[in-house]
Amino acid sequence: MSADNNFKALGLTLPPAPKPLGVYKPFLIIGDTVYVSGHGTVQEDGSLIIGRIGKDMDVEAGKKAAQQVGLAIIATLKENLGSLDRIDRVIKVLGMVNATEDFERHPYVINGCSELFLAIWGEEKGVGVRSAVGMGTLPDNIPVEVEASFLLKK
């Protein structure tokens, strides 16, 4: 199946593609690489999931928030490329987790985004290199921010 069909089969709804809140581009193509700036937890109604993991929400809610960030990235890709089928593979995911200082399950949280990409592009193309790190804070007190890069099909 195509990436667009795989996404449709998941039955998930995209939020609006986020607009920049500062001086940066949310999406940039250089050569055959797509760079997506850090995205937050934009929901279908445009509001944000707010809170710190380990204080305001548990690890499962954090993982769900990371999936929501993945959906925001997908929304940006679709808005700019028209189709997820234009993506050949995920190159890199950088996941940032707003968590208490004693929280240690950052990779588990970021799996929420990574598992979404896996479901869309498959085992071979949907899994790239990744970092999952803890942060003292994130903008607007969102629990997760993710930036990613993708390879375009030739």
C-alpha atoms as a PDB file:
ATOM      1  CA  MET A   1       0.000   0.000   0.000  1.00  0.00           C
ATOM      2  CA  SER A   2       1.022   3.597  -0.485  1.00  0.00           C
ATOM      3  CA  ALA A   3       1.916   5.876   2.421  1.00  0.00           C
ATOM      4  CA  ASP A   4      -1.268   7.890   1.840  1.00  0.00           C
ATOM      5  CA  ASN A   5      -3.351   4.694   1.949  1.00  0.00           C
ATOM      6  CA  ASN A   6      -1.511   3.471   5.035  1.00  0.00           C
ATOM      7  CA  PHE A   7      -2.284   6.750   6.786  1.00  0.00           C
ATOM      8  CA  LYS A   8      -5.924   6.623   5.751  1.00  0.00           C
ATOM      9  CA  ALA A   9      -6.208   3.044   7.088  1.00  0.00           C
ATOM     10  CA  LEU A  10      -5.100   4.259  10.532  1.00  0.00           C
ATOM     11  CA  GLY A  11      -8.321   6.289  10.807  1.00  0.00           C
ATOM     12  CA  LEU A  12      -6.506   9.236  12.404  1.00  0.00           C
ATOM     13  CA  THR A  13      -7.390  12.881  11.831  1.00  0.00           C
ATOM     14  CA  LEU A  14      -4.800  15.522  11.024  1.00  0.00           C
ATOM     15  CA  PRO A  15      -4.606  18.797  12.895  1.00  0.00           C
ATOM     16  CA  PRO A  16      -4.077  21.990  10.919  1.00  0.00           C
ATOM     17  CA  ALA A  17      -0.475  22.369   9.783  1.00  0.00           C
ATOM     18  CA  PRO A  18       1.119  24.660  12.371  1.00  0.00           C
ATOM     19  CA  LYS A  19       2.195  28.151  11.367  1.00  0.00           C
ATOM     20  CA  PRO A  20       5.590  29.489  12.508  1.00  0.00           C
ATOM     21  CA  LEU A  21       5.588  31.190  15.901  1.00  0.00           C
ATOM     22  CA  GLY A  22       8.985  32.767  15.299  1.00  0.00           C
ATOM     23  CA  VAL A  23      11.501  33.511  12.582  1.00  0.00           C
ATOM     24  CA  TYR A  24      11.886  30.140  10.858  1.00  0.00           C
ATOM     25  CA  LYS A  25      10.444  27.973   8.101  1.00  0.00           C
ATOM     26  CA  PRO A  26       8.377  24.979   9.226  1.00  0.00           C
ATOM     27  CA  PHE A  27       9.324  23.074   6.059  1.00  0.00           C
ATOM     28  CA  LEU A  28      12.331  23.287   3.759  1.00  0.00           C
ATOM     29  CA  ILE A  29      13.585  21.188   0.851  1.00  0.00           C
ATOM     30  CA  ILE A  30      17.292  21.154   0.050  1.00  0.00           C
ATOM     31  CA  GLY A  31      18.193  18.776  -2.745  1.00  0.00           C
ATOM     32  CA  ASP A  32      16.316  15.558  -2.081  1.00  0.00           C
ATOM     33  CA  THR A  33      15.969  16.126   1.672  1.00  0.00           C
ATOM     34  CA  VAL A  34      12.926  17.548   3.462  1.00  0.00           C
ATOM     35  CA  TYR A  35      13.596  19.231   6.797  1.00  0.00           C
ATOM     36  CA  VAL A  36      10.688  19.785   9.167  1.00  0.00           C
ATOM     37  CA  SER A  37      11.212  22.226  12.038  1.00  0.00           C
ATOM     38  CA  GLY A  38      10.293  21.326  15.578  1.00  0.00           C
ATOM     39  CA  HIS A  39       6.555  20.723  15.831  1.00  0.00           C
ATOM     40  CA  GLY A  40       4.423  20.690  18.948  1.00  0.00           C
ATOM     41  CA  THR A  41       1.282  19.002  20.164  1.00  0.00           C
ATOM     42  CA  VAL A  42      -1.250  20.697  17.868  1.00  0.00           C
ATOM     43  CA  GLN A  43      -4.672  19.084  18.125  1.00  0.00           C
ATOM     44  CA  GLU A  44      -7.466  18.938  15.561  1.00  0.00           C
ATOM     45  CA  ASP A  45      -9.040  22.153  16.923  1.00  0.00           C
ATOM     46  CA  GLY A  46      -5.691  23.985  16.804  1.00  0.00           C
ATOM     47  CA  SER A  47      -5.176  23.931  20.575  1.00  0.00           C
ATOM     48  CA  LEU A  48      -2.093  22.406  22.195  1.00  0.00           C
ATOM     49  CA  ILE A  49      -1.707  19.515  24.594  1.00  0.00           C
ATOM     50  CA  ILE A  50      -0.072  21.155  27.612  1.00  0.00           C
ATOM     51  CA  GLY A  51       1.804  19.723  30.568  1.00  0.00           C
ATOM     52  CA  ARG A  52       4.980  18.210  31.892  1.00  0.00           C
ATOM     53  CA  ILE A  53       5.447  14.449  31.844  1.00  0.00           C
ATOM     54  CA  GLY A  54       5.958  13.075  35.326  1.00  0.00           C
ATOM     55  CA  LYS A  55       4.047  15.976  36.872  1.00  0.00           C
ATOM     56  CA  ASP A  56       0.929  16.838  34.840  1.00  0.00           C
ATOM     57  CA  MET A  57       0.654  13.627  32.820  1.00  0.00           C
ATOM     58  CA  ASP A  58       1.910  10.065  32.871  1.00  0.00           C
ATOM     59  CA  VAL A  59       4.146   8.299  30.366  1.00  0.00           C
ATOM     60  CA  GLU A  60       1.205   6.935  28.322  1.00  0.00           C
ATOM     61  CA  ALA A  61      -0.287  10.414  27.923  1.00  0.00           C
ATOM     62  CA  GLY A  62       3.184  11.593  26.907  1.00  0.00           C
ATOM     63  CA  LYS A  63       3.424   8.875  24.254  1.00  0.00           C
ATOM     64  CA  LYS A  64      -0.007   9.894  22.936  1.00  0.00           C
ATOM     65  CA  ALA A  65       1.188  13.526  22.840  1.00  0.00           C
ATOM     66  CA  ALA A  66       4.201  12.423  20.761  1.00  0.00           C
ATOM     67  CA  GLN A  67       1.840  10.726  18.314  1.00  0.00           C
ATOM     68  CA  GLN A  68      -0.066  14.019  18.077  1.00  0.00           C
ATOM     69  CA  VAL A  69       3.195  15.791  17.228  1.00  0.00           C
ATOM     70  CA  GLY A  70       3.750  13.184  14.501  1.00  0.00           C
ATOM     71  CA  LEU A  71       0.307  14.022  13.130  1.00  0.00           C
ATOM     72  CA  ALA A  72       1.242  17.724  13.063  1.00  0.00           C
ATOM     73  CA  ILE A  73       4.386  16.840  11.089  1.00  0.00           C
ATOM     74  CA  ILE A  74       2.292  14.750   8.675  1.00  0.00           C
ATOM     75  CA  ALA A  75      -0.055  17.739   8.254  1.00  0.00           C
ATOM     76  CA  THR A  76       2.913  19.934   7.318  1.00  0.00           C
ATOM     77  CA  LEU A  77       4.209  17.320   4.868  1.00  0.00           C
ATOM     78  CA  LYS A  78       0.807  16.953   3.193  1.00  0.00           C
ATOM     79  CA  GLU A  79       0.290  20.724   3.014  1.00  0.00           C
ATOM     80  CA  ASN A  80       3.655  21.245   1.327  1.00  0.00           C
ATOM     81  CA  LEU A  81       4.044  18.062  -0.726  1.00  0.00           C
ATOM     82  CA  GLY A  82       0.422  17.172  -1.444  1.00  0.00           C
ATOM     83  CA  SER A  83       1.035  13.483  -0.798  1.00  0.00           C
ATOM     84  CA  LEU A  84       2.937  11.354   1.694  1.00  0.00           C
ATOM     85  CA  ASP A  85       3.809   9.114  -1.258  1.00  0.00           C
ATOM     86  CA  ARG A  86       6.458  11.678  -2.264  1.00  0.00           C
ATOM     87  CA  ILE A  87       8.512  10.664   0.785  1.00  0.00           C
ATOM     88  CA  ASP A  88      10.958   7.823   0.187  1.00  0.00           C
ATOM     89  CA  ARG A  89      11.999   7.345   3.807  1.00  0.00           C
ATOM     90  CA  VAL A  90      12.376   8.832   7.262  1.00  0.00           C
ATOM     91  CA  ILE A  91      15.982   9.949   7.794  1.00  0.00           C
ATOM     92  CA  LYS A  92      16.058  11.320  11.356  1.00  0.00           C
ATOM     93  CA  VAL A  93      13.754  12.114  14.234  1.00  0.00           C
ATOM     94  CA  LEU A  94      14.791  14.324  17.148  1.00  0.00           C
ATOM     95  CA  GLY A  95      12.301  14.074  19.998  1.00  0.00           C
ATOM     96  CA  MET A  96      12.384  16.473  22.929  1.00  0.00           C
ATOM     97  CA  VAL A  97      10.456  15.612  26.078  1.00  0.00           C
ATOM     98  CA  ASN A  98       9.377  18.165  28.696  1.00  0.00           C
ATOM     99  CA  ALA A  99       9.678  16.010  31.794  1.00  0.00           C
ATOM    100  CA  THR A 100      10.511  16.122  35.457  1.00  0.00           C
ATOM    101  CA  GLU A 101      14.193  15.732  36.321  1.00  0.00           C
ATOM    102  CA  ASP A 102      13.667  12.183  37.599  1.00  0.00           C
ATOM    103  CA  PHE A 103      11.894  11.005  34.405  1.00  0.00           C
ATOM    104  CA  GLU A 104      13.925   8.470  32.389  1.00  0.00           C
ATOM    105  CA  ARG A 105      11.627   7.054  29.691  1.00  0.00           C
ATOM    106  CA  HIS A 106      12.164   9.657  26.975  1.00  0.00           C
ATOM    107  CA  PRO A 107      12.616   7.036  24.203  1.00  0.00           C
ATOM    108  CA  TYR A 108       9.315   5.377  25.139  1.00  0.00           C
ATOM    109  CA  VAL A 109       7.508   8.713  24.848  1.00  0.00           C
ATOM    110  CA  ILE A 110       9.005   9.484  21.424  1.00  0.00           C
ATOM    111  CA  ASN A 111       7.909   6.032  20.236  1.00  0.00           C
ATOM    112  CA  GLY A 112       4.469   7.643  19.876  1.00  0.00           C
ATOM    113  CA  CYS A 113       5.779   9.581  16.868  1.00  0.00           C
ATOM    114  CA  SER A 114       8.139   6.872  15.609  1.00  0.00           C
ATOM    115  CA  GLU A 115       5.421   4.198  15.648  1.00  0.00           C
ATOM    116  CA  LEU A 116       3.184   6.498  13.581  1.00  0.00           C
ATOM    117  CA  PHE A 117       5.911   6.916  10.957  1.00  0.00           C
ATOM    118  CA  LEU A 118       6.503   3.134  10.997  1.00  0.00           C
ATOM    119  CA  ALA A 119       2.799   2.509  10.352  1.00  0.00           C
ATOM    120  CA  ILE A 120       2.792   4.956   7.423  1.00  0.00           C
ATOM    121  CA  TRP A 121       6.064   4.108   5.629  1.00  0.00           C
ATOM    122  CA  GLY A 122       6.765   0.570   6.901  1.00  0.00           C
ATOM    123  CA  GLU A 123       9.694  -1.094   8.662  1.00  0.00           C
ATOM    124  CA  GLU A 124      12.297  -0.396   5.993  1.00  0.00           C
ATOM    125  CA  LYS A 125      11.420   3.236   5.155  1.00  0.00           C
ATOM    126  CA  GLY A 126       9.551   4.449   8.245  1.00  0.00           C
ATOM    127  CA  VAL A 127      12.324   4.002  10.781  1.00  0.00           C
ATOM    128  CA  GLY A 128      15.321   6.306  10.647  1.00  0.00           C
ATOM    129  CA  VAL A 129      17.982   7.336  13.112  1.00  0.00           C
ATOM    130  CA  ARG A 130      16.646   8.998  16.252  1.00  0.00           C
ATOM    131  CA  SER A 131      17.436  10.896  19.408  1.00  0.00           C
ATOM    132  CA  ALA A 132      15.075  11.236  22.375  1.00  0.00           C
ATOM    133  CA  VAL A 133      16.138  13.753  24.974  1.00  0.00           C
ATOM    134  CA  GLY A 134      14.729  15.388  28.094  1.00  0.00           C
ATOM    135  CA  MET A 135      14.275  19.130  28.395  1.00  0.00           C
ATOM    136  CA  GLY A 136      13.751  21.372  31.388  1.00  0.00           C
ATOM    137  CA  THR A 137      10.957  23.181  29.529  1.00  0.00           C
ATOM    138  CA  LEU A 138       9.446  23.418  26.065  1.00  0.00           C
ATOM    139  CA  PRO A 139       7.524  26.308  24.435  1.00  0.00           C
ATOM    140  CA  ASP A 140       4.071  26.934  25.949  1.00  0.00           C
ATOM    141  CA  ASN A 141       4.727  24.030  28.365  1.00  0.00           C
ATOM    142  CA  ILE A 142       4.009  21.437  25.672  1.00  0.00           C
ATOM    143  CA  PRO A 143       5.084  17.909  26.690  1.00  0.00           C
ATOM    144  CA  VAL A 144       6.793  16.959  23.413  1.00  0.00           C
ATOM    145  CA  GLU A 145       8.462  18.631  20.442  1.00  0.00           C
ATOM    146  CA  VAL A 146       9.787  16.723  17.422  1.00  0.00           C
ATOM    147  CA  GLU A 147      11.800  17.743  14.381  1.00  0.00           C
ATOM    148  CA  ALA A 148      12.454  15.368  11.499  1.00  0.00           C
ATOM    149  CA  SER A 149      14.092  14.955   8.130  1.00  0.00           C
ATOM    150  CA  PHE A 150      12.900  12.847   5.208  1.00  0.00           C
ATOM    151  CA  LEU A 151      14.289  11.702   1.860  1.00  0.00           C
ATOM    152  CA  LEU A 152      12.200  12.578  -1.204  1.00  0.00           C
ATOM    153  CA  LYS A 153      11.577  10.038  -3.927  1.00  0.00           C
ATOM    154  CA  LYS A 154      13.506  10.708  -7.097  1.00  0.00           C
END
